[in-house]
Amino acid sequence: MLAHFPRERAAMAELFDEIQAVASHYPERKSAVIPALRLAQEHYGHLSPEALREVAAALGTTPAYCRGIASFYDMFHLEPVGKHVIDVCSNASCALVGAARVLEAFERELGITAGETTPDGLVTLRSAECLGGCGSGTVVSIDERYRQPVKPEDVPAIVEELRRG
C-alpha cells in the first residue's frame, strides 16, 4: 500500500487537503464528488480503486458511490490511459453521418481498436455514447477538446498532429 512510503503519504495528504478545500464550498460534502474525482485523477492519472477510496474517505462516503459517479462520466478514467484520449461519438446523429467510418479510420491509423491504448502509450481510443454536438457530427473529442465535423479523410492529419506533439 502506498501509505507506507513518506512521499506517497505526503501526496495523499495533499490530495485530502485539496478535497477538503473544495468540499467546504458545498452544503453536503458528498456533493463535491465530481471536483474531488477530478483532483484525484489529476494526481494519479486515473481513478484506481485506491484513488476512489481516498476520495470516499475525504468526503465521508463510500468507494462504491465514487465509482458509480466516475463510471457514468466519460471524463473519468478507471484504467490508465494514454497521453492523449480520443473519443469518437457513436450516438444516432453521428452514426447517421459516418461515425463508424471515422472510428475505423482512427483504428487503422493508430493500429488499435476502440478501448485500447497504442503500445507507446501516446493515444487511447474510445467510442463515446454522446458528445453533445448532434447538429454537426461526427464529433470527436481529443483531450476533451471537440472537433466537428470530422470525416474519415481528416483522421491521418489528426493522428500526425498528435504524434508531432
N, C-alpha and C. Protein backbone atom coordinates (compact mmCIF):
# COMPACT_ATOMS: atom_id res chain seq x y z
N MET A 1 0.84 -1.18 0.00
CA MET A 1 0.00 0.00 0.00
C MET A 1 0.89 1.25 0.00
N LEU A 2 0.46 2.25 -0.75
CA LEU A 2 1.27 3.45 -0.91
C LEU A 2 1.50 4.22 0.38
N ALA A 3 0.58 4.12 1.32
CA ALA A 3 0.66 4.94 2.53
C ALA A 3 1.87 4.62 3.38
N HIS A 4 2.59 3.54 3.10
CA HIS A 4 3.77 3.18 3.88
C HIS A 4 5.00 3.99 3.49
N PHE A 5 4.93 4.71 2.41
CA PHE A 5 6.08 5.45 1.93
C PHE A 5 5.86 6.95 2.14
N PRO A 6 6.85 7.64 2.70
CA PRO A 6 6.66 9.05 3.07
C PRO A 6 6.19 9.95 1.92
N ARG A 7 6.78 9.81 0.74
CA ARG A 7 6.39 10.69 -0.37
C ARG A 7 4.94 10.43 -0.78
N GLU A 8 4.54 9.16 -0.82
CA GLU A 8 3.17 8.83 -1.18
C GLU A 8 2.18 9.31 -0.11
N ARG A 9 2.59 9.19 1.16
CA ARG A 9 1.74 9.70 2.24
C ARG A 9 1.55 11.20 2.10
N ALA A 10 2.61 11.91 1.75
CA ALA A 10 2.52 13.36 1.58
C ALA A 10 1.58 13.70 0.43
N ALA A 11 1.67 12.95 -0.67
CA ALA A 11 0.79 13.19 -1.82
C ALA A 11 -0.66 12.92 -1.44
N MET A 12 -0.89 11.86 -0.66
CA MET A 12 -2.25 11.54 -0.21
C MET A 12 -2.77 12.65 0.70
N ALA A 13 -1.94 13.15 1.59
CA ALA A 13 -2.35 14.22 2.50
C ALA A 13 -2.66 15.49 1.71
N GLU A 14 -1.85 15.77 0.69
CA GLU A 14 -2.09 16.94 -0.15
C GLU A 14 -3.43 16.82 -0.87
N LEU A 15 -3.70 15.64 -1.44
CA LEU A 15 -4.98 15.41 -2.12
C LEU A 15 -6.14 15.55 -1.13
N PHE A 16 -6.00 14.97 0.04
CA PHE A 16 -7.03 15.07 1.07
C PHE A 16 -7.33 16.54 1.39
N ASP A 17 -6.28 17.32 1.57
CA ASP A 17 -6.45 18.75 1.88
C ASP A 17 -7.12 19.50 0.74
N GLU A 18 -6.75 19.19 -0.50
CA GLU A 18 -7.38 19.83 -1.66
C GLU A 18 -8.86 19.49 -1.73
N ILE A 19 -9.19 18.22 -1.48
CA ILE A 19 -10.59 17.81 -1.50
C ILE A 19 -11.36 18.51 -0.38
N GLN A 20 -10.75 18.64 0.80
CA GLN A 20 -11.41 19.33 1.90
C GLN A 20 -11.72 20.77 1.53
N ALA A 21 -10.77 21.43 0.88
CA ALA A 21 -10.98 22.82 0.47
C ALA A 21 -12.14 22.94 -0.51
N VAL A 22 -12.21 22.02 -1.46
CA VAL A 22 -13.31 22.04 -2.44
C VAL A 22 -14.63 21.73 -1.75
N ALA A 23 -14.63 20.72 -0.91
CA ALA A 23 -15.87 20.28 -0.24
C ALA A 23 -16.44 21.37 0.66
N SER A 24 -15.60 22.25 1.15
CA SER A 24 -16.08 23.31 2.04
C SER A 24 -17.03 24.28 1.34
N HIS A 25 -17.05 24.25 0.02
CA HIS A 25 -17.93 25.14 -0.76
C HIS A 25 -19.30 24.54 -1.02
N TYR A 26 -19.54 23.32 -0.55
CA TYR A 26 -20.79 22.62 -0.81
C TYR A 26 -21.56 22.41 0.49
N PRO A 27 -22.89 22.48 0.43
CA PRO A 27 -23.69 22.27 1.64
C PRO A 27 -23.59 20.83 2.18
N GLU A 28 -23.43 19.86 1.28
CA GLU A 28 -23.21 18.48 1.67
C GLU A 28 -21.88 18.04 1.08
N ARG A 29 -21.04 17.41 1.87
CA ARG A 29 -19.68 17.05 1.43
C ARG A 29 -19.70 16.17 0.19
N LYS A 30 -20.59 15.19 0.14
CA LYS A 30 -20.57 14.28 -1.00
C LYS A 30 -21.00 14.96 -2.30
N SER A 31 -21.56 16.14 -2.21
CA SER A 31 -21.90 16.91 -3.42
C SER A 31 -20.64 17.34 -4.16
N ALA A 32 -19.50 17.30 -3.50
CA ALA A 32 -18.23 17.69 -4.12
C ALA A 32 -17.56 16.52 -4.83
N VAL A 33 -18.28 15.43 -5.05
CA VAL A 33 -17.64 14.23 -5.59
C VAL A 33 -17.03 14.45 -6.97
N ILE A 34 -17.69 15.18 -7.85
CA ILE A 34 -17.13 15.37 -9.20
C ILE A 34 -15.83 16.16 -9.15
N PRO A 35 -15.78 17.32 -8.51
CA PRO A 35 -14.48 18.01 -8.44
C PRO A 35 -13.43 17.21 -7.67
N ALA A 36 -13.85 16.44 -6.68
CA ALA A 36 -12.89 15.62 -5.92
C ALA A 36 -12.32 14.52 -6.80
N LEU A 37 -13.16 13.89 -7.60
CA LEU A 37 -12.68 12.86 -8.53
C LEU A 37 -11.73 13.48 -9.55
N ARG A 38 -12.03 14.68 -10.00
CA ARG A 38 -11.17 15.37 -10.95
C ARG A 38 -9.79 15.60 -10.34
N LEU A 39 -9.76 16.04 -9.08
CA LEU A 39 -8.48 16.26 -8.39
C LEU A 39 -7.70 14.96 -8.27
N ALA A 40 -8.38 13.89 -7.89
CA ALA A 40 -7.70 12.60 -7.74
C ALA A 40 -7.15 12.12 -9.09
N GLN A 41 -7.91 12.31 -10.14
CA GLN A 41 -7.44 11.90 -11.46
C GLN A 41 -6.23 12.73 -11.90
N GLU A 42 -6.23 14.00 -11.57
CA GLU A 42 -5.07 14.84 -11.88
C GLU A 42 -3.84 14.37 -11.11
N HIS A 43 -4.03 13.93 -9.88
CA HIS A 43 -2.91 13.44 -9.06
C HIS A 43 -2.34 12.13 -9.59
N TYR A 44 -3.24 11.20 -9.95
CA TYR A 44 -2.81 9.84 -10.25
C TYR A 44 -2.90 9.44 -11.72
N GLY A 45 -3.51 10.25 -12.54
CA GLY A 45 -3.63 9.92 -13.96
C GLY A 45 -4.88 9.13 -14.30
N HIS A 46 -5.39 8.37 -13.33
CA HIS A 46 -6.65 7.65 -13.48
C HIS A 46 -7.19 7.36 -12.08
N LEU A 47 -8.41 6.86 -12.04
CA LEU A 47 -9.05 6.62 -10.76
C LEU A 47 -8.98 5.14 -10.40
N SER A 48 -7.87 4.77 -9.81
CA SER A 48 -7.66 3.40 -9.34
C SER A 48 -8.57 3.15 -8.14
N PRO A 49 -8.74 1.89 -7.74
CA PRO A 49 -9.50 1.61 -6.51
C PRO A 49 -8.96 2.38 -5.30
N GLU A 50 -7.65 2.50 -5.20
CA GLU A 50 -7.05 3.26 -4.09
C GLU A 50 -7.44 4.73 -4.16
N ALA A 51 -7.41 5.32 -5.35
CA ALA A 51 -7.80 6.73 -5.50
C ALA A 51 -9.27 6.92 -5.13
N LEU A 52 -10.13 5.98 -5.53
CA LEU A 52 -11.55 6.06 -5.18
C LEU A 52 -11.74 5.96 -3.67
N ARG A 53 -10.94 5.11 -3.01
CA ARG A 53 -11.01 5.01 -1.55
C ARG A 53 -10.59 6.33 -0.89
N GLU A 54 -9.56 6.97 -1.44
CA GLU A 54 -9.10 8.24 -0.88
C GLU A 54 -10.17 9.32 -1.01
N VAL A 55 -10.79 9.39 -2.17
CA VAL A 55 -11.86 10.39 -2.37
C VAL A 55 -13.01 10.11 -1.42
N ALA A 56 -13.41 8.85 -1.33
CA ALA A 56 -14.51 8.48 -0.44
C ALA A 56 -14.19 8.86 1.01
N ALA A 57 -12.99 8.56 1.46
CA ALA A 57 -12.60 8.89 2.84
C ALA A 57 -12.63 10.40 3.07
N ALA A 58 -12.17 11.15 2.10
CA ALA A 58 -12.13 12.61 2.24
C ALA A 58 -13.53 13.22 2.28
N LEU A 59 -14.49 12.56 1.61
CA LEU A 59 -15.84 13.11 1.54
C LEU A 59 -16.81 12.45 2.51
N GLY A 60 -16.35 11.40 3.20
CA GLY A 60 -17.23 10.71 4.13
C GLY A 60 -18.31 9.90 3.44
N THR A 61 -17.95 9.31 2.31
CA THR A 61 -18.88 8.47 1.57
C THR A 61 -18.21 7.13 1.28
N THR A 62 -18.73 6.36 0.37
CA THR A 62 -18.17 5.04 0.08
C THR A 62 -17.43 5.04 -1.26
N PRO A 63 -16.45 4.15 -1.42
CA PRO A 63 -15.80 3.99 -2.72
C PRO A 63 -16.80 3.60 -3.81
N ALA A 64 -17.82 2.82 -3.46
CA ALA A 64 -18.83 2.42 -4.44
C ALA A 64 -19.59 3.63 -4.97
N TYR A 65 -19.91 4.57 -4.10
CA TYR A 65 -20.58 5.80 -4.54
C TYR A 65 -19.68 6.56 -5.51
N CYS A 66 -18.42 6.70 -5.15
CA CYS A 66 -17.47 7.42 -6.01
C CYS A 66 -17.29 6.71 -7.35
N ARG A 67 -17.18 5.38 -7.33
CA ARG A 67 -17.04 4.61 -8.57
C ARG A 67 -18.29 4.75 -9.45
N GLY A 68 -19.46 4.76 -8.82
CA GLY A 68 -20.69 4.93 -9.57
C GLY A 68 -20.73 6.24 -10.33
N ILE A 69 -20.28 7.30 -9.69
CA ILE A 69 -20.22 8.60 -10.37
C ILE A 69 -19.14 8.57 -11.45
N ALA A 70 -17.95 8.08 -11.11
CA ALA A 70 -16.83 8.08 -12.05
C ALA A 70 -17.12 7.23 -13.28
N SER A 71 -17.83 6.12 -13.10
CA SER A 71 -18.09 5.24 -14.24
C SER A 71 -19.17 5.80 -15.16
N PHE A 72 -19.95 6.74 -14.68
CA PHE A 72 -21.00 7.34 -15.51
C PHE A 72 -20.44 8.36 -16.50
N TYR A 73 -19.44 9.12 -16.09
CA TYR A 73 -18.93 10.21 -16.91
C TYR A 73 -17.69 9.78 -17.68
N ASP A 74 -17.66 10.08 -18.99
CA ASP A 74 -16.51 9.67 -19.81
C ASP A 74 -15.26 10.51 -19.56
N MET A 75 -15.37 11.57 -18.79
CA MET A 75 -14.19 12.38 -18.48
C MET A 75 -13.32 11.73 -17.40
N PHE A 76 -13.87 10.71 -16.74
CA PHE A 76 -13.11 10.00 -15.72
C PHE A 76 -12.58 8.69 -16.27
N HIS A 77 -11.37 8.35 -15.87
CA HIS A 77 -10.70 7.14 -16.37
C HIS A 77 -10.47 6.17 -15.21
N LEU A 78 -11.10 5.01 -15.29
CA LEU A 78 -10.94 4.00 -14.25
C LEU A 78 -9.74 3.10 -14.50
N GLU A 79 -9.16 3.22 -15.66
CA GLU A 79 -7.96 2.48 -16.05
C GLU A 79 -6.95 3.50 -16.58
N PRO A 80 -5.67 3.16 -16.60
CA PRO A 80 -4.68 4.08 -17.18
C PRO A 80 -5.01 4.37 -18.64
N VAL A 81 -4.74 5.58 -19.07
CA VAL A 81 -4.97 5.99 -20.45
C VAL A 81 -3.68 6.57 -21.01
N GLY A 82 -3.66 6.75 -22.32
CA GLY A 82 -2.51 7.32 -22.99
C GLY A 82 -2.38 8.81 -22.70
N LYS A 83 -1.32 9.37 -23.22
CA LYS A 83 -1.09 10.81 -23.06
C LYS A 83 -2.25 11.60 -23.67
N HIS A 84 -2.79 11.10 -24.78
CA HIS A 84 -3.94 11.72 -25.44
C HIS A 84 -5.10 10.73 -25.44
N VAL A 85 -6.31 11.26 -25.27
CA VAL A 85 -7.52 10.43 -25.31
C VAL A 85 -8.40 10.95 -26.44
N ILE A 86 -8.73 10.05 -27.35
CA ILE A 86 -9.62 10.37 -28.47
C ILE A 86 -10.94 9.65 -28.24
N ASP A 87 -12.03 10.41 -28.19
CA ASP A 87 -13.37 9.85 -28.09
C ASP A 87 -14.10 10.16 -29.39
N VAL A 88 -14.69 9.15 -29.99
CA VAL A 88 -15.48 9.32 -31.20
C VAL A 88 -16.94 9.08 -30.85
N CYS A 89 -17.79 10.06 -31.09
CA CYS A 89 -19.21 9.93 -30.78
C CYS A 89 -19.83 8.84 -31.64
N SER A 90 -20.62 7.99 -31.00
CA SER A 90 -21.27 6.91 -31.73
C SER A 90 -22.80 6.98 -31.63
N ASN A 91 -23.32 8.09 -31.12
CA ASN A 91 -24.75 8.21 -30.96
C ASN A 91 -25.45 8.34 -32.31
N ALA A 92 -26.76 8.30 -32.31
CA ALA A 92 -27.55 8.21 -33.55
C ALA A 92 -27.22 9.29 -34.57
N SER A 93 -27.17 10.54 -34.15
CA SER A 93 -26.96 11.60 -35.14
C SER A 93 -25.56 11.52 -35.76
N CYS A 94 -24.55 11.16 -34.98
CA CYS A 94 -23.21 11.00 -35.54
C CYS A 94 -23.14 9.72 -36.37
N ALA A 95 -23.81 8.68 -35.91
CA ALA A 95 -23.82 7.42 -36.67
C ALA A 95 -24.40 7.63 -38.06
N LEU A 96 -25.40 8.47 -38.16
CA LEU A 96 -26.04 8.72 -39.46
C LEU A 96 -25.12 9.43 -40.44
N VAL A 97 -24.12 10.13 -39.94
CA VAL A 97 -23.20 10.84 -40.85
C VAL A 97 -21.81 10.19 -40.90
N GLY A 98 -21.72 8.93 -40.46
CA GLY A 98 -20.49 8.18 -40.68
C GLY A 98 -19.56 8.00 -39.50
N ALA A 99 -20.06 8.03 -38.28
CA ALA A 99 -19.19 7.86 -37.11
C ALA A 99 -18.43 6.54 -37.14
N ALA A 100 -19.06 5.48 -37.61
CA ALA A 100 -18.39 4.17 -37.66
C ALA A 100 -17.18 4.24 -38.58
N ARG A 101 -17.30 4.94 -39.69
CA ARG A 101 -16.17 5.07 -40.62
C ARG A 101 -15.05 5.91 -40.01
N VAL A 102 -15.42 6.94 -39.25
CA VAL A 102 -14.41 7.76 -38.57
C VAL A 102 -13.67 6.92 -37.53
N LEU A 103 -14.41 6.16 -36.73
CA LEU A 103 -13.78 5.30 -35.73
C LEU A 103 -12.86 4.27 -36.40
N GLU A 104 -13.32 3.67 -37.48
CA GLU A 104 -12.49 2.70 -38.22
C GLU A 104 -11.23 3.35 -38.76
N ALA A 105 -11.33 4.60 -39.21
CA ALA A 105 -10.15 5.31 -39.72
C ALA A 105 -9.13 5.53 -38.60
N PHE A 106 -9.61 5.89 -37.40
CA PHE A 106 -8.70 6.04 -36.26
C PHE A 106 -8.07 4.70 -35.91
N GLU A 107 -8.85 3.64 -35.93
CA GLU A 107 -8.32 2.31 -35.62
C GLU A 107 -7.22 1.92 -36.60
N ARG A 108 -7.45 2.16 -37.88
CA ARG A 108 -6.43 1.84 -38.91
C ARG A 108 -5.18 2.68 -38.71
N GLU A 109 -5.38 3.96 -38.51
CA GLU A 109 -4.25 4.89 -38.40
C GLU A 109 -3.40 4.63 -37.16
N LEU A 110 -4.06 4.27 -36.06
CA LEU A 110 -3.37 4.05 -34.79
C LEU A 110 -2.93 2.60 -34.59
N GLY A 111 -3.53 1.67 -35.34
CA GLY A 111 -3.20 0.26 -35.18
C GLY A 111 -3.76 -0.37 -33.92
N ILE A 112 -4.85 0.19 -33.41
CA ILE A 112 -5.52 -0.33 -32.22
C ILE A 112 -7.02 -0.31 -32.47
N THR A 113 -7.78 -0.93 -31.58
CA THR A 113 -9.23 -0.86 -31.65
C THR A 113 -9.74 0.01 -30.49
N ALA A 114 -10.99 0.43 -30.61
CA ALA A 114 -11.60 1.26 -29.57
C ALA A 114 -11.48 0.55 -28.23
N GLY A 115 -11.08 1.31 -27.21
CA GLY A 115 -10.88 0.77 -25.88
C GLY A 115 -9.43 0.43 -25.59
N GLU A 116 -8.56 0.59 -26.58
CA GLU A 116 -7.14 0.27 -26.40
C GLU A 116 -6.27 1.52 -26.42
N THR A 117 -5.04 1.33 -25.98
CA THR A 117 -4.03 2.38 -25.99
C THR A 117 -2.88 1.92 -26.88
N THR A 118 -2.32 2.84 -27.64
CA THR A 118 -1.19 2.49 -28.50
C THR A 118 -0.04 1.95 -27.66
N PRO A 119 0.77 1.04 -28.21
CA PRO A 119 1.87 0.44 -27.44
C PRO A 119 2.84 1.47 -26.84
N ASP A 120 2.98 2.62 -27.51
CA ASP A 120 3.88 3.65 -26.98
C ASP A 120 3.23 4.51 -25.90
N GLY A 121 1.95 4.24 -25.59
CA GLY A 121 1.26 5.00 -24.55
C GLY A 121 0.82 6.38 -24.98
N LEU A 122 0.89 6.67 -26.27
CA LEU A 122 0.57 8.02 -26.73
C LEU A 122 -0.93 8.28 -26.78
N VAL A 123 -1.72 7.32 -27.30
CA VAL A 123 -3.13 7.58 -27.56
C VAL A 123 -4.01 6.44 -27.06
N THR A 124 -5.09 6.81 -26.38
CA THR A 124 -6.17 5.89 -26.06
C THR A 124 -7.34 6.27 -26.94
N LEU A 125 -7.93 5.28 -27.60
CA LEU A 125 -9.06 5.50 -28.50
C LEU A 125 -10.31 4.90 -27.86
N ARG A 126 -11.39 5.67 -27.84
CA ARG A 126 -12.63 5.19 -27.26
C ARG A 126 -13.81 5.60 -28.13
N SER A 127 -14.86 4.82 -28.04
CA SER A 127 -16.15 5.17 -28.63
C SER A 127 -16.97 5.77 -27.50
N ALA A 128 -17.58 6.92 -27.74
CA ALA A 128 -18.38 7.59 -26.71
C ALA A 128 -19.84 7.59 -27.11
N GLU A 129 -20.70 7.40 -26.15
CA GLU A 129 -22.14 7.33 -26.43
C GLU A 129 -22.66 8.64 -27.01
N CYS A 130 -22.32 9.77 -26.44
CA CYS A 130 -22.78 11.05 -26.97
C CYS A 130 -21.84 12.15 -26.50
N LEU A 131 -21.42 12.98 -27.43
CA LEU A 131 -20.56 14.11 -27.08
C LEU A 131 -21.29 15.45 -27.19
N GLY A 132 -22.59 15.39 -27.45
CA GLY A 132 -23.42 16.58 -27.38
C GLY A 132 -23.32 17.56 -28.55
N GLY A 133 -22.79 17.14 -29.66
CA GLY A 133 -22.70 18.03 -30.82
C GLY A 133 -23.58 17.52 -31.95
N CYS A 134 -24.79 17.18 -31.63
CA CYS A 134 -25.67 16.46 -32.56
C CYS A 134 -25.94 17.19 -33.86
N GLY A 135 -25.76 18.48 -33.89
CA GLY A 135 -26.04 19.23 -35.11
C GLY A 135 -24.92 19.22 -36.12
N SER A 136 -23.73 18.76 -35.73
CA SER A 136 -22.60 18.82 -36.68
C SER A 136 -21.65 17.65 -36.47
N GLY A 137 -22.16 16.45 -36.61
CA GLY A 137 -21.33 15.26 -36.43
C GLY A 137 -20.51 14.93 -37.65
N THR A 138 -19.59 14.10 -37.59
CA THR A 138 -19.21 13.29 -36.45
C THR A 138 -18.35 14.13 -35.50
N VAL A 139 -18.69 14.05 -34.21
CA VAL A 139 -17.96 14.79 -33.19
C VAL A 139 -16.85 13.90 -32.64
N VAL A 140 -15.67 14.47 -32.53
CA VAL A 140 -14.52 13.77 -31.96
C VAL A 140 -13.95 14.68 -30.87
N SER A 141 -13.73 14.09 -29.71
CA SER A 141 -13.12 14.82 -28.60
C SER A 141 -11.67 14.34 -28.48
N ILE A 142 -10.75 15.26 -28.49
CA ILE A 142 -9.34 14.94 -28.31
C ILE A 142 -8.86 15.71 -27.09
N ASP A 143 -8.56 14.97 -26.04
CA ASP A 143 -8.16 15.58 -24.77
C ASP A 143 -9.20 16.61 -24.32
N GLU A 144 -10.47 16.22 -24.46
CA GLU A 144 -11.62 17.00 -24.03
C GLU A 144 -11.81 18.28 -24.83
N ARG A 145 -11.22 18.35 -26.00
CA ARG A 145 -11.46 19.48 -26.92
C ARG A 145 -12.14 18.92 -28.16
N TYR A 146 -13.26 19.50 -28.50
CA TYR A 146 -14.08 18.97 -29.58
C TYR A 146 -13.62 19.43 -30.96
N ARG A 147 -13.72 18.49 -31.90
CA ARG A 147 -13.54 18.79 -33.32
C ARG A 147 -14.79 18.28 -34.01
N GLN A 148 -15.33 19.12 -34.86
CA GLN A 148 -16.52 18.70 -35.58
C GLN A 148 -16.73 19.56 -36.80
N PRO A 149 -17.23 19.04 -37.86
CA PRO A 149 -17.42 17.62 -38.12
C PRO A 149 -16.10 16.98 -38.56
N VAL A 150 -15.89 15.76 -38.15
CA VAL A 150 -14.69 15.01 -38.56
C VAL A 150 -15.11 13.94 -39.55
N LYS A 151 -14.40 13.87 -40.64
CA LYS A 151 -14.62 12.87 -41.70
C LYS A 151 -13.46 11.88 -41.67
N PRO A 152 -13.66 10.69 -42.22
CA PRO A 152 -12.57 9.71 -42.24
C PRO A 152 -11.27 10.24 -42.86
N GLU A 153 -11.41 11.07 -43.87
CA GLU A 153 -10.21 11.61 -44.53
C GLU A 153 -9.46 12.62 -43.67
N ASP A 154 -10.06 13.12 -42.59
CA ASP A 154 -9.40 14.04 -41.66
C ASP A 154 -8.49 13.31 -40.66
N VAL A 155 -8.71 12.03 -40.48
CA VAL A 155 -8.07 11.27 -39.42
C VAL A 155 -6.54 11.21 -39.53
N PRO A 156 -5.96 10.92 -40.71
CA PRO A 156 -4.49 10.86 -40.76
C PRO A 156 -3.82 12.15 -40.29
N ALA A 157 -4.35 13.29 -40.67
CA ALA A 157 -3.76 14.56 -40.24
C ALA A 157 -3.91 14.77 -38.73
N ILE A 158 -5.03 14.35 -38.17
CA ILE A 158 -5.24 14.49 -36.73
C ILE A 158 -4.23 13.63 -35.98
N VAL A 159 -4.06 12.39 -36.42
CA VAL A 159 -3.11 11.49 -35.75
C VAL A 159 -1.68 12.00 -35.90
N GLU A 160 -1.34 12.49 -37.06
CA GLU A 160 0.01 13.04 -37.28
C GLU A 160 0.25 14.24 -36.36
N GLU A 161 -0.76 15.08 -36.19
CA GLU A 161 -0.65 16.23 -35.29
C GLU A 161 -0.37 15.77 -33.86
N LEU A 162 -1.05 14.72 -33.41
CA LEU A 162 -0.82 14.20 -32.06
C LEU A 162 0.59 13.62 -31.94
N ARG A 163 1.04 12.92 -32.96
CA ARG A 163 2.38 12.33 -32.91
C ARG A 163 3.47 13.38 -32.89
N ARG A 164 3.24 14.49 -33.57
CA ARG A 164 4.23 15.58 -33.58
C ARG A 164 4.22 16.39 -32.30
N GLY A 165 3.13 16.27 -31.53
CA GLY A 165 3.04 17.00 -30.26
C GLY A 165 2.47 18.34 -30.47
